[in-house]
Amino acid sequence: MATNGSLFTQISKPTGMRYIVALLATVVALLVRLELSPFLGDSLPYITLFPSIAFCAWYCGVGPSIVSVALALIGTKYWFIAPVHSLRIVGTDRVVGILAFSLACGLLVVMGEARRRREELLSEAQLELEQAVHQRTAELDTTNQNLRELSARLMQLQDDERRRIARELHDSVGQMLAALGMNLATVGTELQRLMKTANTVKDSAALVQELSQEVRTISHLLHPPLLDEAGLASALRWYVEGFAQRSKIKVDLEVPEDFERLARDSETAIFRTVQECLTNIHRHSASPTARIRIAASDGQISVEVEDRGRGIPPEKQLEMASAGTPGVGIRGMRERFRQLGGTLEIHSNAKGTVVVARLPVAVAPAHPAAA
């Protein structure tokens, strides 16, 4: 069907081409019949002409088909119907044969024209469908681009909000808690004679100290100041040390001694990815150890986080491979690296899980502390 449609399109567009093709088809049919004359004589004079007339009716249209029928009748009478080499018709049977051939050709032309019109309608409908598909595809591409830009903007706003909350907790709440602690210490000194009250005040002061430390820890976890002030390597060492103390998981961190500062977005993406991986190891893998390797080579930064836990179940791996919904953290990590031109892969089996992330090097010449 596709081949017939293509041939119909090539022949039907130029009018002159249709007439030329029709004449050539008729001439070829007459020449073939002439070659068969030694075997057929004057019998079956129209045997090779019916296919050529059908071809013209199918592909060339009404006008070229009529010209082809006329040329076929003249050629057949002149070469194959007695008396040959003459256009004079002798005998009723010859007249009946010519009329029958003409009627059959007329039916072929009518049928061919009806088919040709259907082909034209189908071609127009196909063209309209292709244009609609192109338009919808362009709209879908635009929508996807807008969604990617919105996702990147949301993650940037999330990081900015974390920085703001961390500063507020450290600068405002932390200072007020320190002042409250000093006031309570003063009150405790003055009330030493009242042991019960003094003990209560001391307990309250201890609670304030613990609360102050907890606020500071939450502030640093939301967005560690070292990440902006000293860079990724220092922030990771600080975080890994605290994580190992809290989780009792032995963490081996490998960072080159000459590791340079990166662009803020790159450092944030790597830090958040390591943070998410260690959290998942603590919650799900039951691994006693974890290993983090960071390296820079060939213009790329590679980050590997490996554990020796139970691994990710096969059904969850299938969900992650098919862009399902295995968890917000994994999707967030992948989206961060994709926005920065990088990739994130997860390999897991019964012996453990390895998360491998890569992104282009984006070195920051200067890293001023966040305002």
Protein backbone atom coordinates (compact mmCIF):
# COMPACT_ATOMS: atom_id res chain seq x y z
CA MET A 1 0.00 0.00 0.00
CA ALA A 2 2.85 2.36 0.81
CA THR A 3 4.55 1.61 -2.56
CA ASN A 4 1.34 2.15 -4.51
CA GLY A 5 0.71 5.44 -2.69
CA SER A 6 4.22 6.65 -3.46
CA LEU A 7 3.91 5.79 -7.15
CA PHE A 8 0.51 7.48 -7.29
CA THR A 9 1.98 10.62 -5.69
CA GLN A 10 4.95 10.76 -8.10
CA ILE A 11 2.83 10.31 -11.22
CA SER A 12 -0.27 12.31 -10.31
CA LYS A 13 1.34 15.63 -9.42
CA PRO A 14 2.58 16.95 -12.85
CA THR A 15 -0.10 16.82 -15.56
CA GLY A 16 2.41 16.42 -18.40
CA MET A 17 4.04 13.51 -16.66
CA ARG A 18 0.71 11.65 -16.50
CA TYR A 19 0.20 11.93 -20.25
CA ILE A 20 3.77 10.84 -20.98
CA VAL A 21 3.48 7.80 -18.71
CA ALA A 22 0.13 6.82 -20.26
CA LEU A 23 1.51 7.07 -23.82
CA LEU A 24 4.63 5.09 -22.89
CA ALA A 25 2.58 2.34 -21.25
CA THR A 26 0.34 2.03 -24.33
CA VAL A 27 3.29 1.99 -26.74
CA VAL A 28 5.02 -0.71 -24.69
CA ALA A 29 1.80 -2.81 -24.70
CA LEU A 30 1.51 -2.45 -28.49
CA LEU A 31 5.16 -3.41 -29.00
CA VAL A 32 4.75 -6.49 -26.79
CA ARG A 33 1.67 -7.53 -28.78
CA LEU A 34 3.62 -6.97 -31.98
CA GLU A 35 6.35 -9.33 -30.74
CA LEU A 36 3.67 -11.94 -30.01
CA SER A 37 2.11 -11.67 -33.49
CA PRO A 38 4.04 -14.67 -34.92
CA PHE A 39 2.41 -16.84 -32.25
CA LEU A 40 -1.06 -15.25 -31.92
CA GLY A 41 -1.72 -14.01 -35.44
CA ASP A 42 -4.87 -11.85 -35.48
CA SER A 43 -6.45 -13.57 -32.46
CA LEU A 44 -6.54 -11.91 -29.03
CA PRO A 45 -5.51 -8.48 -30.38
CA TYR A 46 -6.22 -6.75 -27.03
CA ILE A 47 -4.44 -9.21 -24.70
CA THR A 48 -1.50 -6.93 -23.82
CA LEU A 49 -3.51 -3.70 -23.88
CA PHE A 50 -5.82 -4.38 -20.94
CA PRO A 51 -2.97 -4.22 -18.36
CA SER A 52 -1.68 -0.92 -19.80
CA ILE A 53 -5.19 0.61 -19.82
CA ALA A 54 -5.75 -0.58 -16.23
CA PHE A 55 -2.40 0.98 -15.21
CA CYS A 56 -3.29 4.31 -16.83
CA ALA A 57 -6.76 4.31 -15.26
CA TRP A 58 -5.27 3.52 -11.85
CA TYR A 59 -2.46 6.06 -11.78
CA CYS A 60 -2.76 8.62 -14.61
CA GLY A 61 -6.34 9.93 -14.49
CA VAL A 62 -9.26 10.28 -16.91
CA GLY A 63 -7.62 12.42 -19.63
CA PRO A 64 -4.46 10.32 -20.07
CA SER A 65 -6.57 7.13 -19.90
CA ILE A 66 -8.84 8.30 -22.75
CA VAL A 67 -5.78 9.17 -24.84
CA SER A 68 -4.33 5.73 -24.04
CA VAL A 69 -7.58 3.98 -25.10
CA ALA A 70 -7.70 5.91 -28.36
CA LEU A 71 -4.06 5.13 -29.15
CA ALA A 72 -4.62 1.46 -28.26
CA LEU A 73 -7.64 1.21 -30.60
CA ILE A 74 -5.78 2.87 -33.48
CA GLY A 75 -2.64 0.73 -32.98
CA THR A 76 -4.60 -2.48 -32.60
CA LYS A 77 -6.65 -1.87 -35.74
CA TYR A 78 -3.62 -0.83 -37.76
CA TRP A 79 -1.34 -3.74 -36.79
CA PHE A 80 -3.40 -6.67 -35.54
CA ILE A 81 -6.96 -6.58 -37.00
CA ALA A 82 -7.45 -7.46 -40.68
CA PRO A 83 -7.04 -5.74 -42.96
CA VAL A 84 -3.73 -4.78 -41.29
CA HIS A 85 -1.95 -1.49 -41.97
CA SER A 86 -5.34 0.08 -42.52
CA LEU A 87 -7.87 1.83 -40.29
CA ARG A 88 -10.85 0.46 -42.26
CA ILE A 89 -13.12 -1.80 -40.19
CA VAL A 90 -14.51 -4.84 -42.02
CA GLY A 91 -17.02 -7.21 -40.48
CA THR A 92 -19.56 -7.02 -37.67
CA ASP A 93 -17.47 -9.16 -35.34
CA ARG A 94 -14.62 -6.61 -35.59
CA VAL A 95 -17.01 -3.77 -34.73
CA VAL A 96 -18.39 -5.77 -31.77
CA GLY A 97 -14.85 -6.51 -30.55
CA ILE A 98 -13.85 -2.85 -30.72
CA LEU A 99 -17.03 -1.80 -28.89
CA ALA A 100 -16.51 -4.46 -26.21
CA PHE A 101 -12.89 -3.37 -25.75
CA SER A 102 -14.00 0.27 -25.53
CA LEU A 103 -16.70 -0.58 -22.96
CA ALA A 104 -14.26 -2.60 -20.84
CA CYS A 105 -11.75 0.24 -20.99
CA GLY A 106 -14.46 2.70 -19.97
CA LEU A 107 -15.26 0.59 -16.91
CA LEU A 108 -11.56 0.44 -16.01
CA VAL A 109 -11.27 4.21 -16.34
CA VAL A 110 -14.31 4.78 -14.10
CA MET A 111 -13.01 2.35 -11.48
CA GLY A 112 -9.50 3.82 -11.67
CA GLU A 113 -10.76 7.39 -11.28
CA ALA A 114 -12.82 6.40 -8.23
CA ARG A 115 -9.75 4.79 -6.71
CA ARG A 116 -7.59 7.78 -7.61
CA ARG A 117 -9.98 10.15 -5.83
CA ARG A 118 -9.90 7.94 -2.73
CA GLU A 119 -6.08 8.03 -2.82
CA GLU A 120 -6.14 11.83 -3.00
CA LEU A 121 -8.48 12.02 -0.01
CA LEU A 122 -6.28 9.58 1.93
CA SER A 123 -3.15 11.59 1.06
CA GLU A 124 -4.77 14.81 2.26
CA ALA A 125 -5.93 13.15 5.49
CA GLN A 126 -2.44 11.70 6.06
CA LEU A 127 -0.84 15.11 5.52
CA GLU A 128 -3.23 16.74 8.00
CA LEU A 129 -2.52 13.97 10.52
CA GLU A 130 1.26 14.41 10.16
CA GLN A 131 0.94 18.16 10.64
CA ALA A 132 -1.18 17.62 13.77
CA VAL A 133 1.38 15.12 15.13
CA HIS A 134 4.25 17.57 14.51
CA GLN A 135 2.32 20.32 16.27
CA ARG A 136 1.51 18.13 19.29
CA THR A 137 5.11 16.94 19.45
CA ALA A 138 6.37 20.53 19.49
CA GLU A 139 3.89 21.42 22.24
CA LEU A 140 4.97 18.37 24.26
CA ASP A 141 8.66 19.32 23.90
CA THR A 142 7.87 22.84 25.10
CA THR A 143 5.93 21.48 28.08
CA ASN A 144 8.76 19.11 29.03
CA GLN A 145 11.30 21.93 28.82
CA ASN A 146 9.13 24.09 31.08
CA LEU A 147 8.84 21.24 33.58
CA ARG A 148 12.61 20.74 33.64
CA GLU A 149 13.18 24.45 34.22
CA LEU A 150 10.56 24.44 36.99
CA SER A 151 12.21 21.43 38.64
CA ALA A 152 15.62 23.12 38.59
CA ARG A 153 14.13 26.31 40.02
CA LEU A 154 12.36 24.40 42.83
CA MET A 155 15.58 22.68 43.87
CA GLN A 156 17.43 26.00 43.86
CA LEU A 157 14.72 27.56 46.03
CA GLN A 158 14.91 24.57 48.38
CA ASP A 159 18.67 25.06 48.86
CA ASP A 160 18.24 28.80 49.38
CA GLU A 161 15.52 28.20 51.97
CA ARG A 162 17.74 25.73 53.80
CA ARG A 163 20.52 28.33 53.95
CA ARG A 164 18.11 30.95 55.28
CA ILE A 165 16.68 28.65 57.98
CA ALA A 166 20.19 27.58 59.00
CA ARG A 167 21.28 31.21 59.39
CA GLU A 168 18.14 32.09 61.37
CA LEU A 169 18.57 29.15 63.72
CA HIS A 170 22.24 29.90 64.28
CA ASP A 171 22.09 33.70 64.52
CA SER A 172 18.77 34.30 66.24
CA VAL A 173 17.58 31.28 68.18
CA GLY A 174 21.08 30.22 69.11
CA GLN A 175 21.95 33.63 70.57
CA MET A 176 18.73 33.84 72.55
CA LEU A 177 19.31 30.37 73.97
CA ALA A 178 22.86 31.38 74.97
CA ALA A 179 21.53 34.49 76.74
CA LEU A 180 18.88 32.41 78.49
CA GLY A 181 21.56 29.98 79.61
CA MET A 182 23.61 32.80 81.13
CA ASN A 183 20.57 34.19 82.94
CA LEU A 184 19.75 30.81 84.38
CA ALA A 185 23.37 30.36 85.46
CA THR A 186 23.18 33.70 87.32
CA VAL A 187 19.94 32.73 88.97
CA GLY A 188 21.46 29.40 89.95
CA THR A 189 24.39 31.13 91.63
CA GLU A 190 22.10 33.40 93.62
CA LEU A 191 19.88 30.54 94.72
CA GLN A 192 22.57 28.19 95.90
CA ARG A 193 21.06 28.30 99.40
CA LEU A 194 17.86 26.79 98.07
CA MET A 195 19.14 23.41 96.94
CA LYS A 196 15.93 22.17 95.41
CA THR A 197 15.48 25.29 93.31
CA ALA A 198 19.16 25.28 92.45
CA ASN A 199 18.98 21.68 91.25
CA THR A 200 15.94 22.50 89.10
CA VAL A 201 17.72 25.50 87.60
CA LYS A 202 20.80 23.39 86.90
CA ASP A 203 18.68 20.77 85.18
CA SER A 204 17.03 23.51 83.13
CA ALA A 205 20.43 24.96 82.24
CA ALA A 206 21.60 21.51 81.13
CA LEU A 207 18.48 21.12 79.01
CA VAL A 208 19.13 24.53 77.47
CA GLN A 209 22.70 23.47 76.62
CA GLU A 210 21.43 20.24 75.04
CA LEU A 211 18.72 22.15 73.14
CA SER A 212 21.27 24.68 71.93
CA GLN A 213 23.54 21.88 70.71
CA GLU A 214 20.60 20.17 68.98
CA VAL A 215 19.58 23.42 67.26
CA ARG A 216 23.16 23.89 66.08
CA THR A 217 23.26 20.30 64.78
CA ILE A 218 19.95 20.73 62.91
CA SER A 219 21.19 24.00 61.48
CA HIS A 220 24.37 22.39 60.23
CA LEU A 221 22.51 19.40 58.80
CA LEU A 222 20.12 21.66 56.90
CA HIS A 223 23.04 23.46 55.32
CA PRO A 224 26.51 23.10 56.87
CA PRO A 225 28.38 26.44 56.94
CA LEU A 226 31.57 24.61 56.00
CA LEU A 227 30.11 23.89 52.57
CA ASP A 228 30.09 27.60 51.74
CA GLU A 229 33.09 28.65 53.82
CA ALA A 230 35.66 25.85 53.39
CA GLY A 231 34.33 23.77 50.52
CA LEU A 232 33.04 20.28 49.77
CA ALA A 233 35.94 18.27 51.23
CA SER A 234 35.76 19.91 54.68
CA ALA A 235 31.96 19.72 54.78
CA LEU A 236 32.01 16.01 53.89
CA ARG A 237 34.63 15.21 56.55
CA TRP A 238 32.56 17.04 59.17
CA TYR A 239 29.32 15.33 58.13
CA VAL A 240 30.83 11.83 57.83
CA GLU A 241 32.38 12.12 61.31
CA GLY A 242 29.06 13.12 62.88
CA PHE A 243 27.15 10.45 60.93
CA ALA A 244 29.56 7.71 62.03
CA GLN A 245 29.17 8.73 65.67
CA ARG A 246 25.37 8.78 65.51
CA SER A 247 24.81 5.65 63.39
CA LYS A 248 27.74 3.49 64.57
CA ILE A 249 28.50 2.79 60.90
CA LYS A 250 32.18 2.89 59.94
CA VAL A 251 32.53 5.30 57.00
CA ASP A 252 35.69 5.47 54.87
CA LEU A 253 35.98 8.81 53.02
CA GLU A 254 38.51 9.17 50.18
CA VAL A 255 39.00 12.74 48.88
CA PRO A 256 42.17 13.89 47.03
CA GLU A 257 44.41 16.18 49.07
CA ASP A 258 44.51 18.73 46.23
CA PHE A 259 40.76 18.67 45.63
CA GLU A 260 39.76 22.14 44.37
CA ARG A 261 36.68 24.18 45.14
CA LEU A 262 33.78 23.62 42.72
CA ALA A 263 30.85 25.76 41.67
CA ARG A 264 28.29 26.12 44.45
CA ASP A 265 25.63 24.08 42.61
CA SER A 266 28.08 21.22 42.01
CA GLU A 267 29.26 21.13 45.63
CA THR A 268 25.67 21.23 46.89
CA ALA A 269 24.62 18.41 44.53
CA ILE A 270 27.51 16.15 45.62
CA PHE A 271 27.00 16.88 49.33
CA ARG A 272 23.23 16.23 49.17
CA THR A 273 23.81 13.00 47.22
CA VAL A 274 26.31 11.68 49.79
CA GLN A 275 23.92 12.74 52.56
CA GLU A 276 21.00 10.91 50.91
CA CYS A 277 23.09 7.78 50.27
CA LEU A 278 24.32 7.55 53.88
CA THR A 279 20.79 8.07 55.16
CA ASN A 280 19.53 5.22 52.95
CA ILE A 281 22.39 2.97 54.14
CA HIS A 282 21.46 3.65 57.78
CA ARG A 283 17.73 3.13 57.21
CA HIS A 284 17.60 0.22 54.77
CA SER A 285 20.84 -1.64 54.08
CA ALA A 286 21.93 -2.83 57.57
CA SER A 287 25.50 -2.43 56.37
CA PRO A 288 28.17 -2.06 59.08
CA THR A 289 30.44 -0.07 56.75
CA ALA A 290 30.23 2.49 53.97
CA ARG A 291 32.85 3.79 51.58
CA ILE A 292 32.86 7.15 49.78
CA ARG A 293 35.31 7.84 46.95
CA ILE A 294 35.57 11.20 45.19
CA ALA A 295 37.94 11.69 42.25
CA ALA A 296 38.55 14.21 39.48
CA SER A 297 39.91 13.20 36.06
CA ASP A 298 39.43 14.07 32.39
CA GLY A 299 37.28 17.07 33.21
CA GLN A 300 34.84 15.03 35.31
CA ILE A 301 34.08 14.58 38.98
CA SER A 302 33.13 11.03 39.99
CA VAL A 303 31.43 10.16 43.28
CA GLU A 304 30.99 6.56 44.48
CA VAL A 305 29.10 5.56 47.63
CA GLU A 306 29.33 1.85 48.41
CA ASP A 307 27.92 -0.33 51.19
CA ARG A 308 28.00 -4.02 52.14
CA GLY A 309 24.35 -4.36 53.05
CA ARG A 310 21.44 -6.45 51.88
CA GLY A 311 21.03 -4.60 48.56
CA ILE A 312 17.97 -3.18 46.84
CA PRO A 313 15.14 -5.69 46.15
CA PRO A 314 14.78 -6.62 42.44
CA GLU A 315 11.23 -5.26 42.24
CA LYS A 316 12.34 -1.84 43.51
CA GLN A 317 15.26 -1.87 41.03
CA LEU A 318 12.73 -2.46 38.23
CA GLU A 319 10.68 0.51 39.48
CA MET A 320 13.79 2.73 39.44
CA ALA A 321 14.84 1.52 35.96
CA SER A 322 11.34 2.20 34.56
CA ALA A 323 11.17 5.74 36.06
CA GLY A 324 8.68 4.60 38.67
CA THR A 325 8.31 6.06 42.14
CA PRO A 326 10.96 4.32 44.30
CA GLY A 327 11.46 7.38 46.47
CA VAL A 328 11.76 11.13 46.38
CA GLY A 329 15.45 11.02 47.38
CA ILE A 330 16.61 8.99 44.39
CA ARG A 331 14.60 11.06 41.94
CA GLY A 332 15.97 14.24 43.52
CA MET A 333 19.57 13.04 43.21
CA ARG A 334 19.13 12.10 39.57
CA GLU A 335 17.43 15.40 38.76
CA ARG A 336 20.20 17.41 40.46
CA PHE A 337 22.91 15.72 38.37
CA ARG A 338 20.88 15.87 35.16
CA GLN A 339 20.42 19.63 35.56
CA LEU A 340 24.21 19.97 35.89
CA GLY A 341 24.91 17.82 32.82
CA GLY A 342 25.84 14.71 34.83
CA THR A 343 24.53 11.20 35.43
CA LEU A 344 23.68 8.98 38.40
CA GLU A 345 23.66 5.16 38.30
CA ILE A 346 22.72 2.60 40.94
CA HIS A 347 24.08 -0.97 40.95
CA SER A 348 22.83 -3.36 43.60
CA ASN A 349 22.90 -7.06 44.42
CA ALA A 350 22.80 -9.30 47.47
CA LYS A 351 26.36 -8.22 48.42
CA GLY A 352 25.64 -4.50 48.58
CA THR A 353 24.86 -1.34 46.64
CA VAL A 354 27.04 1.12 44.72
CA VAL A 355 25.82 4.58 43.71
CA VAL A 356 27.98 6.17 40.98
CA ALA A 357 27.51 9.83 40.07
CA ARG A 358 29.45 11.83 37.49
CA LEU A 359 29.27 15.44 36.43
CA PRO A 360 31.48 17.87 34.48
CA VAL A 361 34.04 19.85 36.46
CA ALA A 362 32.83 23.38 37.21
CA VAL A 363 35.64 25.00 39.19
CA ALA A 364 34.79 28.19 41.08
CA PRO A 365 37.74 30.64 41.17
CA ALA A 366 36.39 32.35 44.29
CA HIS A 367 33.97 31.09 46.93
CA PRO A 368 32.88 33.91 49.20
CA ALA A 369 30.89 32.98 52.25
CA ALA A 370 27.14 33.19 51.90
CA ALA A 371 25.68 36.50 53.01
